């Protein structure tokens, strides 16, 4: 059976009843599995991790859009995380028995469907986009909801599907296909936003830092600290431990320590194994040495 992962990000992280209702609407879709829901009130954002085949995604994602557009009004939305849509971004990720080309086709079909149903502008990104200037999410989302109308009026910024002006309350959405990424945040023991932003600039690929790292500095005002918020787009080539160590060293330059880090959503086991091997200096460590892996392999036999 083909397995596709989908990780929609919605611009709601405070009203639990809305988040629960949207997740329940997806659970009711045949073949759809809701693996994880993580919400953050400071970001005012929720990340849902879904799994299913193309039929489940084709039926379920428009259901999510219908509920989110009805419940989320970006004209009164505030939060630390950049956003331009009620359903801000929806990536399809090939996991098992499915190709990237099939996920690209699925992304385009779903984008066309939700644009038509809800009169919503939709931009394609990553592997689904054929425009080099509109592959990166941060480029498409720059200016956020508040600057969306002016941005869409500029040459080259007509959406791939839907109207040429934003939805009045739901903005616009970004849909695409990509390989798995890790949403990884590091919280600093300071309220100095300038430090978090300098560190983000130092480590992200777009400004000469680590390849496969996207980063920004944001305040967590309710906690009185700041965060380096990141997406790691290829954990095999830029592993978690390398990112953590570089952020820690950059923070030390400003007399700041790392308070904690967090993973948002799900993470491949291999990414965690890399960090264990590195920090513990394990030699010749194998995934077969993990008890649960051995039990699963024996059960399969």
Protein backbone atom coordinates (compact mmCIF):
# COMPACT_ATOMS: atom_id res chain seq x y z
CA UNK A 1 0.00 0.00 0.00
CA UNK A 2 1.28 3.47 -0.90
CA UNK A 3 1.92 5.73 2.07
CA UNK A 4 2.03 9.51 1.70
CA UNK A 5 2.78 11.81 4.61
CA UNK A 6 1.13 15.22 4.73
CA UNK A 7 2.03 17.91 7.26
CA UNK A 8 -0.45 20.80 7.02
CA UNK A 9 0.26 23.86 9.17
CA UNK A 10 -2.81 25.81 10.24
CA UNK A 11 -2.84 29.31 11.69
CA UNK A 12 -4.49 28.36 14.98
CA UNK A 13 -2.70 27.29 18.13
CA UNK A 14 -4.81 28.76 20.92
CA UNK A 15 -8.42 27.61 20.51
CA UNK A 16 -8.26 23.93 21.38
CA UNK A 17 -11.86 23.33 20.37
CA UNK A 18 -11.10 24.50 16.81
CA UNK A 19 -7.95 22.37 16.60
CA UNK A 20 -9.80 19.30 17.88
CA UNK A 21 -12.65 19.82 15.45
CA UNK A 22 -10.32 20.05 12.48
CA UNK A 23 -8.35 16.97 13.55
CA UNK A 24 -11.57 15.00 14.09
CA UNK A 25 -12.80 15.93 10.61
CA UNK A 26 -9.66 14.33 9.20
CA UNK A 27 -10.00 11.22 11.36
CA UNK A 28 -13.43 10.67 9.81
CA UNK A 29 -11.95 10.41 6.30
CA UNK A 30 -11.56 6.76 5.17
CA UNK A 31 -7.92 5.75 4.95
CA UNK A 32 -6.63 8.87 6.71
CA UNK A 33 -4.49 8.48 9.82
CA UNK A 34 -3.84 11.45 12.10
CA UNK A 35 -0.45 10.56 13.56
CA UNK A 36 0.23 13.71 15.55
CA UNK A 37 -1.14 17.17 16.37
CA UNK A 38 1.13 19.77 17.96
CA UNK A 39 -0.04 23.28 18.82
CA UNK A 40 1.85 26.31 20.05
CA UNK A 41 0.02 29.29 21.54
CA UNK A 42 2.92 31.70 21.09
CA UNK A 43 3.28 30.78 17.42
CA UNK A 44 -0.53 30.55 17.21
CA UNK A 45 -0.04 27.63 14.89
CA UNK A 46 -0.71 23.90 14.79
CA UNK A 47 1.16 21.23 12.86
CA UNK A 48 -0.79 18.11 11.92
CA UNK A 49 1.00 14.97 10.73
CA UNK A 50 -1.15 12.79 8.50
CA UNK A 51 -0.60 9.53 6.62
CA UNK A 52 -2.62 7.82 3.94
CA UNK A 53 -2.83 7.08 0.26
CA UNK A 54 -3.64 9.51 -2.55
CA UNK A 55 -7.38 8.87 -2.27
CA UNK A 56 -7.41 9.72 1.44
CA UNK A 57 -5.43 12.91 0.84
CA UNK A 58 -7.62 13.97 -2.07
CA UNK A 59 -10.72 13.60 0.12
CA UNK A 60 -9.28 14.80 3.43
CA UNK A 61 -7.28 17.93 2.67
CA UNK A 62 -10.24 19.86 1.20
CA UNK A 63 -12.16 18.91 4.36
CA UNK A 64 -9.41 20.52 6.43
CA UNK A 65 -9.52 23.66 4.28
CA UNK A 66 -13.29 23.91 4.62
CA UNK A 67 -13.15 23.81 8.42
CA UNK A 68 -10.11 26.07 8.74
CA UNK A 69 -11.42 28.77 6.40
CA UNK A 70 -14.70 28.85 8.34
CA UNK A 71 -12.97 29.07 11.74
CA UNK A 72 -9.84 31.19 11.20
CA UNK A 73 -9.88 34.92 10.45
CA UNK A 74 -6.42 36.27 9.71
CA UNK A 75 -7.57 39.87 9.99
CA UNK A 76 -7.57 39.38 13.78
CA UNK A 77 -4.85 36.71 13.99
CA UNK A 78 -1.62 37.35 15.87
CA UNK A 79 1.32 35.06 16.52
CA UNK A 80 5.09 34.81 16.44
CA UNK A 81 5.25 32.55 13.39
CA UNK A 82 5.02 34.03 9.87
CA UNK A 83 1.78 33.12 8.07
CA UNK A 84 -0.18 34.08 4.97
CA UNK A 85 -3.08 31.63 5.09
CA UNK A 86 -5.58 29.97 7.40
CA UNK A 87 -4.15 26.70 6.10
CA UNK A 88 -0.69 28.15 5.65
CA UNK A 89 1.25 25.35 4.01
CA UNK A 90 0.46 21.77 2.96
CA UNK A 91 3.33 19.54 1.84
CA UNK A 92 2.93 16.00 0.47
CA UNK A 93 5.86 13.69 1.22
CA UNK A 94 6.55 10.27 -0.37
CA UNK A 95 7.11 7.61 2.30
CA UNK A 96 6.51 4.14 0.89
CA UNK A 97 5.38 2.81 -2.49
CA UNK A 98 4.97 6.27 -4.00
CA UNK A 99 7.24 8.53 -6.04
CA UNK A 100 7.96 12.22 -5.76
CA UNK A 101 6.36 12.67 -9.18
CA UNK A 102 3.13 11.17 -7.85
CA UNK A 103 3.22 13.54 -4.86
CA UNK A 104 3.76 16.47 -7.22
CA UNK A 105 0.72 15.41 -9.25
CA UNK A 106 -1.30 15.04 -6.04
CA UNK A 107 -0.22 18.49 -4.82
CA UNK A 108 -1.30 20.12 -8.08
CA UNK A 109 -4.65 18.32 -8.11
CA UNK A 110 -5.43 19.23 -4.49
CA UNK A 111 -4.29 22.83 -5.04
CA UNK A 112 -6.59 23.22 -8.03
CA UNK A 113 -9.48 21.66 -6.11
CA UNK A 114 -9.25 23.87 -2.99
CA UNK A 115 -8.66 26.99 -5.10
CA UNK A 116 -11.83 26.30 -7.06
CA UNK A 117 -13.98 25.23 -4.09
CA UNK A 118 -13.07 28.07 -1.74
CA UNK A 119 -12.11 30.89 -4.13
CA UNK A 120 -8.66 30.80 -2.56
CA UNK A 121 -5.31 31.71 -4.15
CA UNK A 122 -2.88 28.79 -4.01
CA UNK A 123 0.85 28.86 -4.71
CA UNK A 124 2.87 25.73 -5.50
CA UNK A 125 6.25 25.23 -3.82
CA UNK A 126 9.29 22.96 -3.58
CA UNK A 127 9.17 20.07 -6.11
CA UNK A 128 5.65 21.02 -7.24
CA UNK A 129 6.77 24.47 -8.42
CA UNK A 130 8.28 25.03 -11.85
CA UNK A 131 9.21 28.63 -10.99
CA UNK A 132 12.72 28.88 -9.43
CA UNK A 133 11.75 32.09 -7.62
CA UNK A 134 8.76 30.39 -6.01
CA UNK A 135 10.20 27.12 -4.74
CA UNK A 136 11.14 28.26 -1.24
CA UNK A 137 8.34 28.72 1.26
CA UNK A 138 9.95 31.74 2.89
CA UNK A 139 10.07 33.59 -0.44
CA UNK A 140 6.39 32.98 -1.11
CA UNK A 141 5.32 33.86 2.43
CA UNK A 142 7.48 36.99 2.75
CA UNK A 143 5.23 39.96 3.66
CA UNK A 144 2.73 37.59 5.31
CA UNK A 145 -1.03 38.05 5.22
CA UNK A 146 -0.85 41.79 5.77
CA UNK A 147 1.33 42.34 2.70
CA UNK A 148 -0.30 39.71 0.51
CA UNK A 149 -2.56 41.94 -1.59
CA UNK A 150 0.29 44.29 -2.53
CA UNK A 151 2.57 41.35 -3.29
CA UNK A 152 0.05 39.60 -5.51
CA UNK A 153 -0.43 42.82 -7.49
CA UNK A 154 3.24 42.73 -8.55
CA UNK A 155 4.40 41.07 -11.79
CA UNK A 156 5.26 37.43 -11.30
CA UNK A 157 3.10 36.93 -8.21
CA UNK A 158 -0.18 35.68 -9.66
CA UNK A 159 -1.06 32.41 -7.88
CA UNK A 160 -0.79 29.05 -9.61
CA UNK A 161 -4.49 28.46 -8.97
CA UNK A 162 -7.39 30.61 -7.82
CA UNK A 163 -8.13 34.34 -7.83
CA UNK A 164 -5.52 37.05 -8.27
CA UNK A 165 -6.44 38.67 -4.95
CA UNK A 166 -6.32 37.22 -1.40
CA UNK A 167 -9.27 35.60 0.31
CA UNK A 168 -10.54 38.31 2.70
CA UNK A 169 -10.06 36.25 5.88
CA UNK A 170 -8.10 33.13 4.81
CA UNK A 171 -5.39 34.82 2.74
CA UNK A 172 -3.67 32.36 0.43
CA UNK A 173 -2.21 28.91 0.79
CA UNK A 174 0.99 27.16 -0.28
CA UNK A 175 0.81 23.52 -1.40
CA UNK A 176 3.62 21.35 -2.66
CA UNK A 177 5.69 18.19 -2.48
CA UNK A 178 9.01 17.69 -0.73
CA UNK A 179 11.23 15.21 1.02
CA UNK A 180 10.90 14.77 4.83
CA UNK A 181 12.15 17.66 6.98
CA UNK A 182 12.58 18.17 10.70
CA UNK A 183 10.99 21.18 12.38
CA UNK A 184 13.51 21.93 15.11
CA UNK A 185 13.60 24.83 17.57
CA UNK A 186 16.28 25.90 20.04
CA UNK A 187 15.27 28.16 22.92
CA UNK A 188 17.84 30.56 24.36
CA UNK A 189 18.12 31.66 27.98
CA UNK A 190 17.68 35.33 27.12
CA UNK A 191 15.04 37.77 25.92
CA UNK A 192 17.41 39.38 23.42
CA UNK A 193 15.73 39.00 20.06
CA UNK A 194 18.76 40.51 18.30
CA UNK A 195 20.84 37.54 19.45
CA UNK A 196 18.36 34.98 18.11
CA UNK A 197 18.19 36.80 14.79
CA UNK A 198 21.98 37.04 14.49
CA UNK A 199 22.30 33.33 15.19
CA UNK A 200 19.61 32.51 12.64
CA UNK A 201 21.45 34.58 10.05
CA UNK A 202 24.72 32.84 10.86
CA UNK A 203 23.41 29.29 10.57
CA UNK A 204 20.89 29.37 7.70
CA UNK A 205 21.86 28.35 4.20
CA UNK A 206 20.45 31.47 2.50
CA UNK A 207 22.99 33.70 4.27
CA UNK A 208 26.01 31.41 4.06
CA UNK A 209 25.45 29.05 6.99
CA UNK A 210 24.74 25.34 7.08
CA UNK A 211 23.33 23.75 3.95
CA UNK A 212 19.76 22.42 4.30
CA UNK A 213 18.97 24.74 7.23
CA UNK A 214 16.27 27.41 7.22
CA UNK A 215 16.18 29.55 10.36
CA UNK A 216 14.66 32.65 11.92
CA UNK A 217 14.79 34.26 15.35
CA UNK A 218 11.48 34.86 17.11
CA UNK A 219 10.38 36.00 20.59
CA UNK A 220 8.48 33.73 22.98
CA UNK A 221 6.96 36.62 24.84
CA UNK A 222 4.89 34.56 27.25
CA UNK A 223 8.10 32.96 28.55
CA UNK A 224 10.36 35.98 28.29
CA UNK A 225 12.86 34.16 26.05
CA UNK A 226 13.75 33.95 22.37
CA UNK A 227 13.91 31.04 19.94
CA UNK A 228 15.90 30.03 16.90
CA UNK A 229 13.17 28.34 14.85
CA UNK A 230 14.40 26.04 12.08
CA UNK A 231 13.50 23.64 9.33
CA UNK A 232 16.15 21.03 8.52
CA UNK A 233 15.48 19.89 4.97
CA UNK A 234 18.05 17.09 4.77
CA UNK A 235 18.98 15.60 8.15
CA UNK A 236 21.34 13.07 6.53
CA UNK A 237 23.63 15.79 5.16
CA UNK A 238 23.12 18.35 7.95
CA UNK A 239 22.34 16.36 11.11
CA UNK A 240 20.61 17.58 14.25
CA UNK A 241 23.69 17.46 16.44
CA UNK A 242 25.66 19.70 14.07
CA UNK A 243 22.91 22.31 14.09
CA UNK A 244 22.63 22.21 17.89
CA UNK A 245 26.37 22.56 18.40
CA UNK A 246 26.66 25.51 16.01
CA UNK A 247 23.75 27.35 17.63
CA UNK A 248 25.29 26.73 21.06
CA UNK A 249 28.66 28.08 19.95
CA UNK A 250 27.14 31.12 18.27
CA UNK A 251 25.10 31.86 21.42
CA UNK A 252 28.25 31.70 23.54
CA UNK A 253 29.70 34.57 21.52
CA UNK A 254 26.98 36.79 23.02
CA UNK A 255 27.22 35.37 26.54
CA UNK A 256 23.98 33.42 26.08
CA UNK A 257 23.30 29.76 26.85
CA UNK A 258 20.93 27.26 25.27
CA UNK A 259 17.94 26.60 27.50
CA UNK A 260 16.39 23.67 25.64
CA UNK A 261 15.45 22.41 22.20
CA UNK A 262 12.30 20.87 20.77
CA UNK A 263 11.15 18.85 17.79
CA UNK A 264 7.80 19.86 16.32
CA UNK A 265 5.83 16.97 14.88
CA UNK A 266 7.46 13.64 14.08
CA UNK A 267 11.10 12.85 13.39
CA UNK A 268 12.79 9.93 11.61
CA UNK A 269 14.49 7.53 14.02
CA UNK A 270 17.66 7.73 11.94
CA UNK A 271 17.99 11.43 12.76
CA UNK A 272 17.98 10.70 16.49
CA UNK A 273 20.35 7.77 16.07
CA UNK A 274 22.87 10.10 14.38
CA UNK A 275 22.89 12.34 17.44
CA UNK A 276 23.20 9.44 19.88
CA UNK A 277 26.16 8.05 17.93
CA UNK A 278 27.88 11.43 17.85
CA UNK A 279 27.33 12.55 21.44
CA UNK A 280 28.09 9.13 22.96
CA UNK A 281 30.94 8.50 20.49
CA UNK A 282 29.54 5.10 19.69
CA UNK A 283 31.64 2.99 17.36
CA UNK A 284 29.99 0.61 14.92
CA UNK A 285 26.52 1.21 16.33
CA UNK A 286 23.71 -0.42 14.34
CA UNK A 287 19.96 0.10 14.24
CA UNK A 288 19.70 -3.64 15.00
CA UNK A 289 21.05 -2.90 18.48
CA UNK A 290 17.87 -1.00 19.32
CA UNK A 291 15.67 -3.39 21.27
CA UNK A 292 12.39 -2.35 19.64
CA UNK A 293 13.87 -2.67 16.15
CA UNK A 294 15.08 -6.18 16.88
CA UNK A 295 11.69 -7.18 18.28
CA UNK A 296 9.92 -5.83 15.19
CA UNK A 297 12.24 -7.64 12.81
CA UNK A 298 11.81 -10.93 14.69
CA UNK A 299 8.03 -10.49 14.73
CA UNK A 300 8.07 -9.95 10.96
CA UNK A 301 10.04 -13.16 10.53
